[in-house]
Amino acid sequence: MAPLLAVGITATVLPALAPAQASAAEPLKRFENQKPAWHRCDAQMPAAFQCATIKVPMDYSRPGSKTLDLAISRMKTSVPGKRHGAILLNPGGPGGEGLDMPVMMKESMPKNVREQYDLIGFDPRGVGRSSPVTCGLTDAEQNTEHPYRSQTFSRDVKWARTVADKCRARNGDKLAYITTRNTARDMDVIRAVLGEKKLSYLGYSYGTYLGAVYAQMFPGRTDRFVLDSAVDPARVWRGMIQVWAEGTEPAFTRWTTWTAQHHTTYKLGDTPAKVKKAFWDLVARADRDPVDFHGRKLTGDDIRASLRPEFFSPKSAAEAVVELKKAADGRPVPHRSPAADDGTGPRRFAAAAAPADNSGAVFWTVVCGDTAAWSHDPEQYRRDAIRDKAKYPLYGDFGSNITPCAFWGKPAEPVTKIDNRVGVLTVQNQWDPQTPLTSGLGMHHALKGSRMVYVEGGEGHGVYSDDPRSCANRTVNAYLSTGRLPARDVTCEAPGRRSPGVNQHILPTPQRTPGAPRF
């Protein structure tokens, strides 16, 4: 399952902790007062890219008990006289490593923004170099996409139970504390260790939820926050898996229209209905006789799962369907050549050898451990998968089928309700496959003091980048430079978005006046 997407501590922290835990404030000082032993991260990386490891409590209600290692990094790019502070960076997940984010973002941020900040990265607790979690999962057990079929449902239940059992067996009491709320607390320890009164932040995908939880727990320490491609906090977490099915249907409708208009190129049908039929005929054919595609035998279920994100970019999806049809007909299909690495882009930091299942193990640990809103009745998942396969044919059964969370333990804390008025900037593409527009709107609605930059016609997951054509960059950079939110929500058009005759308003264009938290 792709990362979603792609998440304090003195006495004032203790809106985040129960009142009975106030006595824990003093022991927390030893974590806040750490002096990191900064060193060059890697001989192959820039000398300015420095790493360190600090300690954080495993359980913040018992800070004198067990600790976890937290790997942090920095690039001190700020300029004296221009320095605003430190900006913490998160790439998403749950399970995404963020230690190399300062190197990546140094290439994306313009100089006038970069000069104001020390760029700070970290591997969240349980991830990469930060006391990594492993469940000892096999490759097969790491396959998270399970279509619903009555004859295989018992195997799906067995898979879900096995993953949960293995995670408990391998991690003991640590498992309950790898959560978004605890990662937010870790962020506040990082803030204190860096000597900052407030924290600025840029988070993508799952990182938007992490940032929103921090803002909810520590509103007085939240500075300039940018949340790019947002999780809907009201859907955490089963609903965020299900939203992939809901968000794909309008993208699929848009694809059929676009592809019909390009019938002379793709020959999949000259009307949307014919294009739709061509796709579903291919799925049915692959279910009868799996398609040999570059040495892999693809069933109809495989095609539905692999093409789900493709439909958010009509051209890419049309090309993929054409290639699959050729393969089904026994015609040769050339390999798509990956883009060549010319060596000019930022070098990725070679992380320490984390367990092979680390990313997947953290994904389930967080999404199951954050909230109790998971049924423990396997038959509920069966009913939901049958219902949603009919409602959202492309992916509904995948999104609603049983997961390891059905057999997880009780969460250590309630889920965080996001309803604050902290001023943050959210950024959203219209056609985002991982956090669809409805999800981004949900976050914007929950953050009552937020403003949104909405990229109409924008495709892909993640908006703010070094792409000079990005219409969102100007607003994001202005906010990071000045701390001033736009007076109202901003709508801009993705470059080259218009195709004659294509309905660009299948989902609503945000219309909002200042102070009105709904569309």
Protein backbone atom coordinates (compact mmCIF):
# COMPACT_ATOMS: atom_id res chain seq x y z
CA MET A 1 0.00 0.00 0.00
CA ALA A 2 1.64 3.21 -1.13
CA PRO A 3 2.60 5.55 1.59
CA LEU A 4 -0.13 8.02 2.12
CA LEU A 5 -0.11 8.69 0.81
CA ALA A 6 3.16 9.21 1.33
CA VAL A 7 2.94 13.02 11.62
CA GLY A 8 6.24 18.78 23.47
CA ILE A 9 6.79 18.68 26.19
CA THR A 10 7.13 21.03 29.13
CA ALA A 11 4.25 21.80 31.48
CA THR A 12 2.54 23.71 28.65
CA VAL A 13 2.59 20.52 26.59
CA LEU A 14 0.15 19.02 28.85
CA PRO A 15 -2.95 19.76 26.93
CA ALA A 16 -1.39 16.85 25.03
CA LEU A 17 -1.09 14.66 28.12
CA ALA A 18 -3.60 13.83 30.80
CA PRO A 19 -3.65 16.20 33.81
CA ALA A 20 -2.52 13.35 36.07
CA GLN A 21 0.71 13.23 34.09
CA ALA A 22 1.76 16.80 34.90
CA SER A 23 4.40 15.48 37.28
CA ALA A 24 6.18 14.05 34.23
CA ALA A 25 7.17 17.54 33.03
CA GLU A 26 10.47 17.69 34.90
CA PRO A 27 11.79 14.31 33.67
CA LEU A 28 11.04 15.51 30.14
CA LYS A 29 13.58 18.32 30.58
CA ARG A 30 16.43 15.87 30.14
CA PHE A 31 15.17 15.12 26.63
CA GLU A 32 14.64 18.76 25.75
CA ASN A 33 18.11 19.73 26.98
CA GLN A 34 20.06 17.19 24.92
CA LYS A 35 23.07 18.44 22.97
CA PRO A 36 23.18 16.51 19.69
CA ALA A 37 26.58 15.24 18.54
CA TRP A 38 26.31 16.51 14.96
CA HIS A 39 28.50 14.82 12.37
CA ARG A 40 28.68 14.55 8.59
CA CYS A 41 25.95 12.17 7.48
CA ASP A 42 27.86 10.53 4.64
CA ALA A 43 31.14 11.13 2.85
CA GLN A 44 29.28 11.12 -0.47
CA MET A 45 26.86 13.82 0.69
CA PRO A 46 27.48 17.57 1.15
CA ALA A 47 29.56 18.40 4.21
CA ALA A 48 26.79 20.75 5.37
CA PHE A 49 24.40 17.79 5.64
CA GLN A 50 24.78 16.72 9.27
CA CYS A 51 23.19 13.96 11.31
CA ALA A 52 22.72 13.15 14.99
CA THR A 53 20.77 10.78 17.19
CA ILE A 54 18.77 11.90 20.21
CA LYS A 55 16.68 10.02 22.76
CA VAL A 56 12.92 10.32 23.22
CA PRO A 57 10.61 8.58 25.69
CA MET A 58 8.93 5.49 24.34
CA ASP A 59 5.90 6.33 26.49
CA TYR A 60 5.52 10.06 27.23
CA SER A 61 3.36 9.33 30.26
CA ARG A 62 6.39 7.55 31.76
CA PRO A 63 9.41 9.54 30.54
CA GLY A 64 11.68 7.92 33.10
CA SER A 65 11.13 4.48 31.59
CA LYS A 66 12.24 3.11 28.20
CA THR A 67 13.59 5.34 25.44
CA LEU A 68 13.81 5.22 21.65
CA ASP A 69 16.51 6.54 19.33
CA LEU A 70 15.46 9.34 16.99
CA ALA A 71 17.65 10.09 13.98
CA ILE A 72 17.66 13.77 12.95
CA SER A 73 19.49 15.74 10.26
CA ARG A 74 20.08 19.35 9.30
CA MET A 75 21.44 21.73 6.72
CA LYS A 76 22.14 25.12 8.26
CA THR A 77 21.30 27.18 5.20
CA SER A 78 19.97 30.21 7.02
CA VAL A 79 21.76 33.55 6.73
CA PRO A 80 22.48 35.71 9.80
CA GLY A 81 20.14 38.69 9.78
CA LYS A 82 17.67 36.83 7.59
CA ARG A 83 17.19 33.72 9.72
CA HIS A 84 13.62 33.04 10.80
CA GLY A 85 14.13 29.64 12.40
CA ALA A 86 14.12 25.92 11.69
CA ILE A 87 11.72 24.14 9.34
CA LEU A 88 11.05 20.47 9.97
CA LEU A 89 10.35 18.30 6.91
CA ASN A 90 8.36 15.08 6.47
CA PRO A 91 7.87 13.14 3.20
CA GLY A 92 4.78 11.12 4.16
CA GLY A 93 4.07 7.51 5.00
CA PRO A 94 3.34 6.28 7.60
CA GLY A 95 6.71 4.60 7.22
CA GLY A 96 8.52 7.16 5.07
CA GLU A 97 12.15 7.95 5.90
CA GLY A 98 12.81 11.68 6.11
CA LEU A 99 16.46 11.96 7.05
CA ASP A 100 17.50 13.11 3.57
CA MET A 101 14.72 15.69 3.22
CA PRO A 102 17.03 18.69 3.87
CA VAL A 103 19.15 17.77 0.84
CA MET A 104 16.06 17.24 -1.30
CA MET A 105 14.34 20.47 -0.26
CA LYS A 106 17.49 22.57 -0.60
CA GLU A 107 17.10 21.94 -4.34
CA SER A 108 13.40 22.83 -4.34
CA MET A 109 13.27 25.97 -2.22
CA PRO A 110 14.27 29.27 -3.81
CA LYS A 111 17.24 31.05 -2.28
CA ASN A 112 15.22 33.82 -0.63
CA VAL A 113 13.19 31.20 1.28
CA ARG A 114 16.08 28.89 2.02
CA GLU A 115 18.14 31.70 3.54
CA GLN A 116 15.58 32.05 6.33
CA TYR A 117 15.64 28.46 7.59
CA ASP A 118 17.77 25.68 8.88
CA LEU A 119 16.38 22.64 7.07
CA ILE A 120 15.67 19.77 9.47
CA GLY A 121 14.91 16.15 8.62
CA PHE A 122 14.11 13.11 10.74
CA ASP A 123 13.14 9.48 10.55
CA PRO A 124 9.95 9.23 12.64
CA ARG A 125 9.95 6.78 15.51
CA GLY A 126 9.97 3.20 14.26
CA VAL A 127 11.25 4.21 10.83
CA GLY A 128 14.67 3.80 9.20
CA ARG A 129 17.35 4.77 11.71
CA SER A 130 14.91 5.61 14.52
CA SER A 131 14.52 2.37 16.51
CA PRO A 132 13.06 0.63 13.44
CA VAL A 133 10.01 -1.60 13.70
CA THR A 134 9.92 -4.98 11.98
CA CYS A 135 7.24 -7.62 11.99
CA GLY A 136 9.33 -10.20 10.13
CA LEU A 137 6.89 -10.17 7.23
CA THR A 138 7.50 -12.18 4.08
CA ASP A 139 7.13 -10.59 0.66
CA ALA A 140 3.71 -12.19 0.30
CA GLU A 141 2.60 -10.88 3.69
CA GLN A 142 3.65 -7.38 2.68
CA ASN A 143 1.20 -7.42 -0.24
CA THR A 144 -1.57 -5.23 1.14
CA GLU A 145 -3.96 -5.11 -1.83
CA HIS A 146 -6.54 -7.84 -1.42
CA PRO A 147 -9.57 -7.87 -3.73
CA TYR A 148 -12.72 -9.35 -2.30
CA ARG A 149 -13.80 -12.73 -3.62
CA SER A 150 -15.95 -15.09 -1.58
CA GLN A 151 -13.65 -18.05 -2.26
CA THR A 152 -10.51 -16.22 -1.05
CA PHE A 153 -11.92 -14.24 1.88
CA SER A 154 -10.87 -16.83 4.46
CA ARG A 155 -7.28 -16.52 3.20
CA ASP A 156 -7.52 -12.72 3.53
CA VAL A 157 -8.67 -13.11 7.15
CA LYS A 158 -5.76 -15.46 7.84
CA TRP A 159 -3.31 -12.96 6.28
CA ALA A 160 -4.65 -10.09 8.40
CA ARG A 161 -4.48 -12.12 11.61
CA THR A 162 -0.97 -13.37 10.81
CA VAL A 163 0.41 -9.86 10.23
CA ALA A 164 -1.09 -8.59 13.49
CA ASP A 165 0.22 -11.58 15.44
CA LYS A 166 3.72 -11.24 13.98
CA CYS A 167 3.87 -7.51 14.76
CA ARG A 168 2.89 -8.11 18.38
CA ALA A 169 5.35 -10.96 18.77
CA ARG A 170 8.31 -9.01 17.36
CA ASN A 171 7.75 -5.64 19.05
CA GLY A 172 6.28 -6.26 22.47
CA ASP A 173 5.16 -3.17 24.37
CA LYS A 174 6.88 -0.81 21.87
CA LEU A 175 4.13 -1.46 19.32
CA ALA A 176 1.51 0.61 21.16
CA TYR A 177 3.71 3.72 21.16
CA ILE A 178 4.51 3.99 17.45
CA THR A 179 1.69 6.46 16.81
CA THR A 180 1.12 9.84 15.23
CA ARG A 181 0.54 11.53 18.59
CA ASN A 182 3.87 10.29 19.91
CA THR A 183 5.65 11.33 16.72
CA ALA A 184 4.16 14.80 17.18
CA ARG A 185 5.57 14.83 20.70
CA ASP A 186 8.93 13.80 19.24
CA MET A 187 8.70 16.78 16.90
CA ASP A 188 8.38 19.04 19.90
CA VAL A 189 11.43 17.47 21.49
CA ILE A 190 13.30 18.23 18.26
CA ARG A 191 12.09 21.83 18.48
CA ALA A 192 13.37 22.13 22.04
CA VAL A 193 16.69 20.44 21.27
CA LEU A 194 17.23 22.92 18.43
CA GLY A 195 16.57 25.81 20.82
CA GLU A 196 13.53 27.05 18.89
CA LYS A 197 10.51 28.65 20.56
CA LYS A 198 8.31 27.71 17.62
CA LEU A 199 8.52 25.18 14.82
CA SER A 200 7.93 25.70 11.11
CA TYR A 201 7.01 22.65 9.06
CA LEU A 202 6.52 21.26 5.57
CA GLY A 203 4.76 17.90 5.38
CA TYR A 204 3.51 15.86 2.45
CA SER A 205 0.67 13.31 2.42
CA TYR A 206 0.70 11.49 5.79
CA GLY A 207 2.97 14.33 6.89
CA THR A 208 -0.05 16.64 6.63
CA TYR A 209 -1.89 14.66 9.28
CA LEU A 210 1.22 14.61 11.43
CA GLY A 211 1.48 18.39 11.09
CA ALA A 212 -2.19 18.88 11.90
CA VAL A 213 -1.88 16.71 15.02
CA TYR A 214 1.13 18.77 16.14
CA ALA A 215 -0.86 21.98 15.59
CA GLN A 216 -3.73 20.53 17.63
CA MET A 217 -1.47 19.40 20.49
CA PHE A 218 0.92 22.37 20.49
CA PRO A 219 -0.89 25.34 18.92
CA GLY A 220 1.31 27.91 20.67
CA ARG A 221 4.44 26.40 19.16
CA THR A 222 3.13 26.12 15.60
CA ASP A 223 4.77 28.65 13.28
CA ARG A 224 4.67 28.52 9.46
CA PHE A 225 3.07 25.20 8.51
CA VAL A 226 2.57 23.98 4.92
CA LEU A 227 0.49 20.81 4.50
CA ASP A 228 0.79 19.46 0.96
CA SER A 229 -1.67 16.83 -0.39
CA ALA A 230 -3.69 16.38 2.75
CA VAL A 231 -5.18 13.51 4.68
CA ASP A 232 -8.76 14.06 5.86
CA PRO A 233 -8.49 13.78 9.67
CA ALA A 234 -12.11 12.70 9.89
CA ARG A 235 -11.26 9.57 7.84
CA VAL A 236 -8.30 8.33 9.87
CA TRP A 237 -7.50 5.62 9.01
CA ARG A 238 -9.86 3.12 7.42
CA GLY A 239 -11.64 5.91 5.61
CA MET A 240 -8.37 7.09 4.04
CA ILE A 241 -7.87 3.67 2.48
CA GLN A 242 -11.49 3.62 1.35
CA VAL A 243 -11.20 7.13 -0.12
CA TRP A 244 -8.89 5.77 -2.82
CA ALA A 245 -11.92 3.96 -4.22
CA GLU A 246 -14.23 6.95 -3.88
CA GLY A 247 -11.73 9.34 -5.48
CA THR A 248 -10.91 7.05 -8.39
CA GLU A 249 -14.41 6.91 -9.87
CA PRO A 250 -14.55 10.59 -11.04
CA ALA A 251 -10.96 10.22 -12.31
CA PHE A 252 -12.03 7.16 -14.31
CA THR A 253 -15.00 9.07 -15.76
CA ARG A 254 -12.69 11.89 -16.78
CA TRP A 255 -10.34 9.34 -18.37
CA THR A 256 -13.07 7.80 -20.50
CA THR A 257 -14.01 11.25 -21.83
CA TRP A 258 -10.41 12.26 -22.56
CA THR A 259 -9.57 8.93 -24.20
CA ALA A 260 -12.67 9.04 -26.42
CA GLN A 261 -11.53 12.45 -27.65
CA HIS A 262 -8.18 10.88 -28.54
CA HIS A 263 -9.60 7.83 -30.25
CA THR A 264 -7.42 8.30 -33.33
CA THR A 265 -4.35 7.85 -31.10
CA TYR A 266 -5.41 5.11 -28.69
CA LYS A 267 -8.27 3.39 -30.53
CA LEU A 268 -10.08 2.44 -27.35
CA GLY A 269 -13.43 3.86 -28.42
CA ASP A 270 -14.81 7.13 -29.77
CA THR A 271 -17.33 7.62 -26.95
CA PRO A 272 -16.86 7.43 -23.18
CA ALA A 273 -19.18 4.41 -23.04
CA LYS A 274 -17.05 2.52 -25.56
CA VAL A 275 -13.82 3.37 -23.73
CA LYS A 276 -15.34 2.18 -20.47
CA LYS A 277 -16.43 -1.08 -22.11
CA ALA A 278 -12.96 -1.60 -23.59
CA PHE A 279 -11.41 -1.39 -20.12
CA TRP A 280 -13.89 -3.70 -18.41
CA ASP A 281 -13.68 -6.18 -21.29
CA LEU A 282 -9.92 -6.27 -20.70
CA VAL A 283 -10.44 -6.90 -16.97
CA ALA A 284 -12.89 -9.74 -17.65
CA ARG A 285 -10.55 -11.26 -20.23
CA ALA A 286 -7.63 -11.17 -17.78
CA ASP A 287 -9.77 -12.88 -15.14
CA ARG A 288 -10.41 -15.74 -17.57
CA ASP A 289 -6.86 -15.86 -18.93
CA PRO A 290 -4.22 -13.80 -17.06
CA VAL A 291 -2.23 -11.42 -19.26
CA ASP A 292 1.50 -12.10 -19.62
CA PHE A 293 2.95 -8.62 -19.16
CA HIS A 294 6.75 -8.49 -19.06
CA GLY A 295 6.88 -11.92 -17.45
CA ARG A 296 4.09 -11.31 -14.93
CA LYS A 297 0.71 -12.95 -15.15
CA LEU A 298 -1.86 -10.24 -14.46
CA THR A 299 -5.45 -11.04 -13.51
CA GLY A 300 -8.29 -8.60 -13.82
CA ASP A 301 -7.88 -7.80 -10.13
CA ASP A 302 -4.19 -7.05 -10.71
CA ILE A 303 -5.12 -4.66 -13.52
CA ARG A 304 -7.71 -2.86 -11.38
CA ALA A 305 -5.21 -2.37 -8.56
CA SER A 306 -2.24 -1.33 -10.69
CA LEU A 307 -4.19 1.10 -12.87
CA ARG A 308 -6.10 2.79 -10.04
CA PRO A 309 -3.56 5.63 -9.62
CA GLU A 310 -2.93 5.82 -13.37
CA PHE A 311 -6.46 7.03 -14.10
CA PHE A 312 -5.69 10.35 -12.43
CA SER A 313 -3.45 11.14 -15.43
CA PRO A 314 -5.51 10.33 -18.56
CA LYS A 315 -2.62 10.07 -21.00
CA SER A 316 -0.67 7.71 -18.75
CA ALA A 317 -3.72 5.52 -18.20
CA ALA A 318 -4.58 5.37 -21.91
CA GLU A 319 -1.05 4.30 -22.77
CA ALA A 320 -1.10 1.63 -20.05
CA VAL A 321 -4.42 0.17 -21.22
CA VAL A 322 -3.21 0.07 -24.83
CA GLU A 323 -0.08 -1.83 -23.76
CA LEU A 324 -2.11 -4.29 -21.71
CA LYS A 325 -4.44 -4.92 -24.64
CA LYS A 326 -1.45 -5.62 -26.86
CA ALA A 327 -0.08 -8.05 -24.32
CA ALA A 328 -3.46 -9.77 -24.06
CA ASP A 329 -3.44 -10.17 -27.85
CA GLY A 330 0.03 -11.71 -27.71
CA ARG A 331 1.71 -8.76 -29.39
CA PRO A 332 5.13 -7.55 -28.17
CA VAL A 333 5.07 -4.72 -25.65
CA PRO A 334 8.22 -2.59 -25.31
CA HIS A 335 9.50 -1.85 -21.83
CA ARG A 336 8.99 1.74 -20.75
CA SER A 337 12.46 3.15 -20.20
CA PRO A 338 12.86 4.88 -16.84
CA ALA A 339 14.10 8.45 -16.93
CA ALA A 340 17.87 8.56 -17.03
CA ASP A 341 19.70 9.91 -14.01
CA ASP A 342 22.05 12.56 -15.30
CA GLY A 343 23.61 13.07 -11.91
CA THR A 344 22.37 16.64 -11.57
CA GLY A 345 19.60 15.91 -9.09
CA PRO A 346 20.03 15.65 -5.33
CA ARG A 347 21.66 12.43 -4.21
CA ARG A 348 19.55 10.29 -1.89
CA PHE A 349 21.09 9.53 1.47
CA ALA A 350 21.90 5.83 1.68
CA ALA A 351 20.01 4.86 4.81
CA ALA A 352 21.24 2.21 7.18
CA ALA A 353 19.94 -1.25 6.44
CA ALA A 354 16.46 -1.01 7.92
CA PRO A 355 14.49 -4.27 8.08
CA ALA A 356 13.05 -5.23 4.70
CA ASP A 357 9.50 -4.90 5.97
CA ASN A 358 10.10 -1.67 7.92
CA SER A 359 7.93 0.60 5.80
CA GLY A 360 4.99 -1.81 5.71
CA ALA A 361 5.35 -2.68 9.39
CA VAL A 362 5.23 0.99 10.38
CA PHE A 363 2.28 1.60 8.08
CA TRP A 364 0.13 -0.96 9.90
CA THR A 365 1.52 -0.04 13.32
CA VAL A 366 0.44 3.58 12.90
CA VAL A 367 -2.87 3.17 11.07
CA CYS A 368 -3.99 0.43 13.45
CA GLY A 369 -2.59 2.05 16.59
CA ASP A 370 -3.82 5.62 16.02
CA THR A 371 -7.51 4.89 16.34
CA ALA A 372 -10.01 2.35 17.67
CA ALA A 373 -12.30 2.91 14.68
CA TRP A 374 -11.62 -0.54 13.24
CA SER A 375 -14.18 -3.32 13.41
CA HIS A 376 -12.97 -6.58 14.96
CA ASP A 377 -15.68 -8.56 13.14
CA PRO A 378 -14.39 -10.12 9.90
CA GLU A 379 -17.93 -10.34 8.56
CA GLN A 380 -18.21 -6.54 8.70
CA TYR A 381 -15.33 -6.28 6.26
CA ARG A 382 -16.95 -8.86 4.00
CA ARG A 383 -20.20 -6.90 3.91
CA ASP A 384 -18.41 -3.61 3.31
CA ALA A 385 -16.25 -5.04 0.52
CA ILE A 386 -19.28 -6.47 -1.29
CA ARG A 387 -21.13 -3.15 -0.93
CA ASP A 388 -18.22 -1.01 -2.09
CA LYS A 389 -17.28 -3.24 -5.01
CA ALA A 390 -20.74 -2.47 -6.39
CA LYS A 391 -20.53 1.21 -5.50
CA TYR A 392 -16.92 1.81 -6.63
CA PRO A 393 -16.18 -0.96 -9.15
CA LEU A 394 -12.53 -0.09 -9.73
CA TYR A 395 -11.24 -0.34 -6.19
CA GLY A 396 -14.09 -0.48 -3.70
CA ASP A 397 -13.48 -4.06 -2.57
CA PHE A 398 -9.74 -3.46 -2.17
CA GLY A 399 -10.39 -0.40 -0.01
CA SER A 400 -12.92 -2.06 2.29
CA ASN A 401 -11.52 -5.59 2.63
CA ILE A 402 -10.12 -6.85 5.92
CA THR A 403 -6.78 -5.54 7.23
CA PRO A 404 -4.49 -6.45 10.15
CA CYS A 405 -6.20 -3.71 12.16
CA ALA A 406 -9.13 -6.09 12.67
CA PHE A 407 -6.85 -8.05 15.03
CA TRP A 408 -4.84 -5.21 16.57
CA GLY A 409 -4.72 -4.33 20.24
CA LYS A 410 -6.53 -1.42 21.84
CA PRO A 411 -4.90 1.96 21.06
CA ALA A 412 -2.99 3.59 23.90
CA GLU A 413 -4.81 6.92 23.34
CA PRO A 414 -7.96 8.21 21.65
CA VAL A 415 -7.65 9.50 18.10
CA THR A 416 -6.82 13.20 17.81
CA LYS A 417 -9.77 15.41 16.86
CA ILE A 418 -8.55 18.18 14.56
CA ASP A 419 -10.63 21.33 15.03
CA ASN A 420 -8.22 24.19 15.77
CA ARG A 421 -7.90 27.69 14.32
CA VAL A 422 -4.12 27.71 13.90
CA GLY A 423 -3.15 29.48 10.67
CA VAL A 424 -1.66 26.95 8.24
CA LEU A 425 -1.46 26.70 4.45
CA THR A 426 -2.80 23.59 2.69
CA VAL A 427 -1.93 22.76 -0.91
CA GLN A 428 -3.90 20.37 -3.14
CA ASN A 429 -3.99 19.10 -6.71
CA GLN A 430 -7.42 18.44 -8.16
CA TRP A 431 -6.39 15.01 -9.49
CA ASP A 432 -4.35 13.51 -6.68
CA PRO A 433 -4.49 9.68 -6.58
CA GLN A 434 -3.34 9.15 -2.98
CA THR A 435 -5.06 11.98 -1.14
CA PRO A 436 -7.93 12.82 -3.51
CA LEU A 437 -9.47 16.26 -3.54
CA THR A 438 -12.25 15.29 -1.14
CA SER A 439 -9.55 14.38 1.37
CA GLY A 440 -7.74 17.70 0.98
CA LEU A 441 -11.01 19.55 1.43
CA GLY A 442 -11.64 17.58 4.62
CA MET A 443 -8.34 18.75 6.13
CA HIS A 444 -9.00 22.34 5.06
CA HIS A 445 -12.43 22.23 6.68
CA ALA A 446 -11.05 20.80 9.94
CA LEU A 447 -8.30 23.43 10.18
CA LYS A 448 -10.56 26.42 10.65
CA GLY A 449 -7.76 28.98 10.41
CA SER A 450 -6.27 27.52 7.23
CA ARG A 451 -6.07 28.74 3.67
CA MET A 452 -5.87 26.45 0.65
CA VAL A 453 -3.94 26.67 -2.59
CA TYR A 454 -6.01 24.61 -5.02
CA VAL A 455 -4.42 23.60 -8.32
CA GLU A 456 -7.30 23.18 -10.75
CA GLY A 457 -6.44 20.47 -13.24
CA GLY A 458 -3.32 19.57 -11.25
CA GLU A 459 -2.30 15.93 -11.46
CA GLY A 460 -0.12 13.83 -9.17
CA HIS A 461 0.59 13.43 -5.49
CA GLY A 462 2.57 16.33 -4.07
CA VAL A 463 2.39 19.92 -5.30
CA TYR A 464 5.22 22.06 -3.91
CA SER A 465 8.42 21.22 -5.79
CA ASP A 466 11.23 22.67 -7.88
CA ASP A 467 9.04 22.58 -11.01
CA PRO A 468 9.15 26.19 -12.29
CA ARG A 469 5.75 25.69 -13.93
CA SER A 470 4.00 24.99 -10.62
CA CYS A 471 1.39 27.67 -10.10
CA ALA A 472 1.28 26.93 -6.37
CA ASN A 473 4.92 27.71 -5.64
CA ARG A 474 4.49 31.47 -5.58
CA THR A 475 1.91 31.38 -2.81
CA VAL A 476 3.78 28.77 -0.77
CA ASN A 477 7.06 30.67 -1.05
CA ALA A 478 5.41 33.96 -0.09
CA TYR A 479 3.92 32.36 3.02
CA LEU A 480 7.20 30.72 4.04
CA SER A 481 9.00 34.03 3.51
CA THR A 482 6.60 36.31 5.36
CA GLY A 483 4.41 34.12 7.54
CA ARG A 484 1.34 35.85 6.10
CA LEU A 485 -1.43 33.63 4.82
CA PRO A 486 -3.31 34.70 1.71
CA ALA A 487 -6.40 36.78 2.49
CA ARG A 488 -8.54 34.07 0.93
CA ASP A 489 -8.15 30.68 -0.69
CA VAL A 490 -6.16 30.67 -3.91
CA THR A 491 -7.17 28.76 -7.05
CA CYS A 492 -4.67 28.50 -9.87
CA GLU A 493 -4.57 26.44 -13.04
CA ALA A 494 -2.08 23.69 -13.73
CA PRO A 495 0.02 24.46 -16.82
CA GLY A 496 -1.45 23.05 -20.03
CA ARG A 497 -4.45 21.64 -18.19
CA ARG A 498 -7.16 22.45 -20.70
CA SER A 499 -8.31 19.85 -23.21
CA PRO A 500 -11.23 21.01 -25.40
CA GLY A 501 -14.47 19.37 -24.38
CA VAL A 502 -13.18 17.68 -21.22
CA ASN A 503 -15.27 18.36 -18.14
CA GLN A 504 -12.82 20.04 -15.78
CA HIS A 505 -15.39 20.46 -12.99
CA ILE A 506 -16.38 16.90 -12.10
CA LEU A 507 -15.34 17.81 -8.56
CA PRO A 508 -16.23 21.26 -7.21
CA THR A 509 -13.90 24.21 -7.44
CA PRO A 510 -13.39 25.53 -3.90
CA GLN A 511 -15.27 28.75 -3.24
CA ARG A 512 -14.71 30.18 0.19
CA THR A 513 -14.70 33.56 1.86
CA PRO A 514 -12.28 34.36 4.68
CA GLY A 515 -13.41 32.81 7.92
CA ALA A 516 -15.93 30.43 6.35
CA PRO A 517 -14.50 26.91 6.84
CA ARG A 518 -16.57 25.11 4.20
CA PHE A 519 -17.13 25.03 0.44
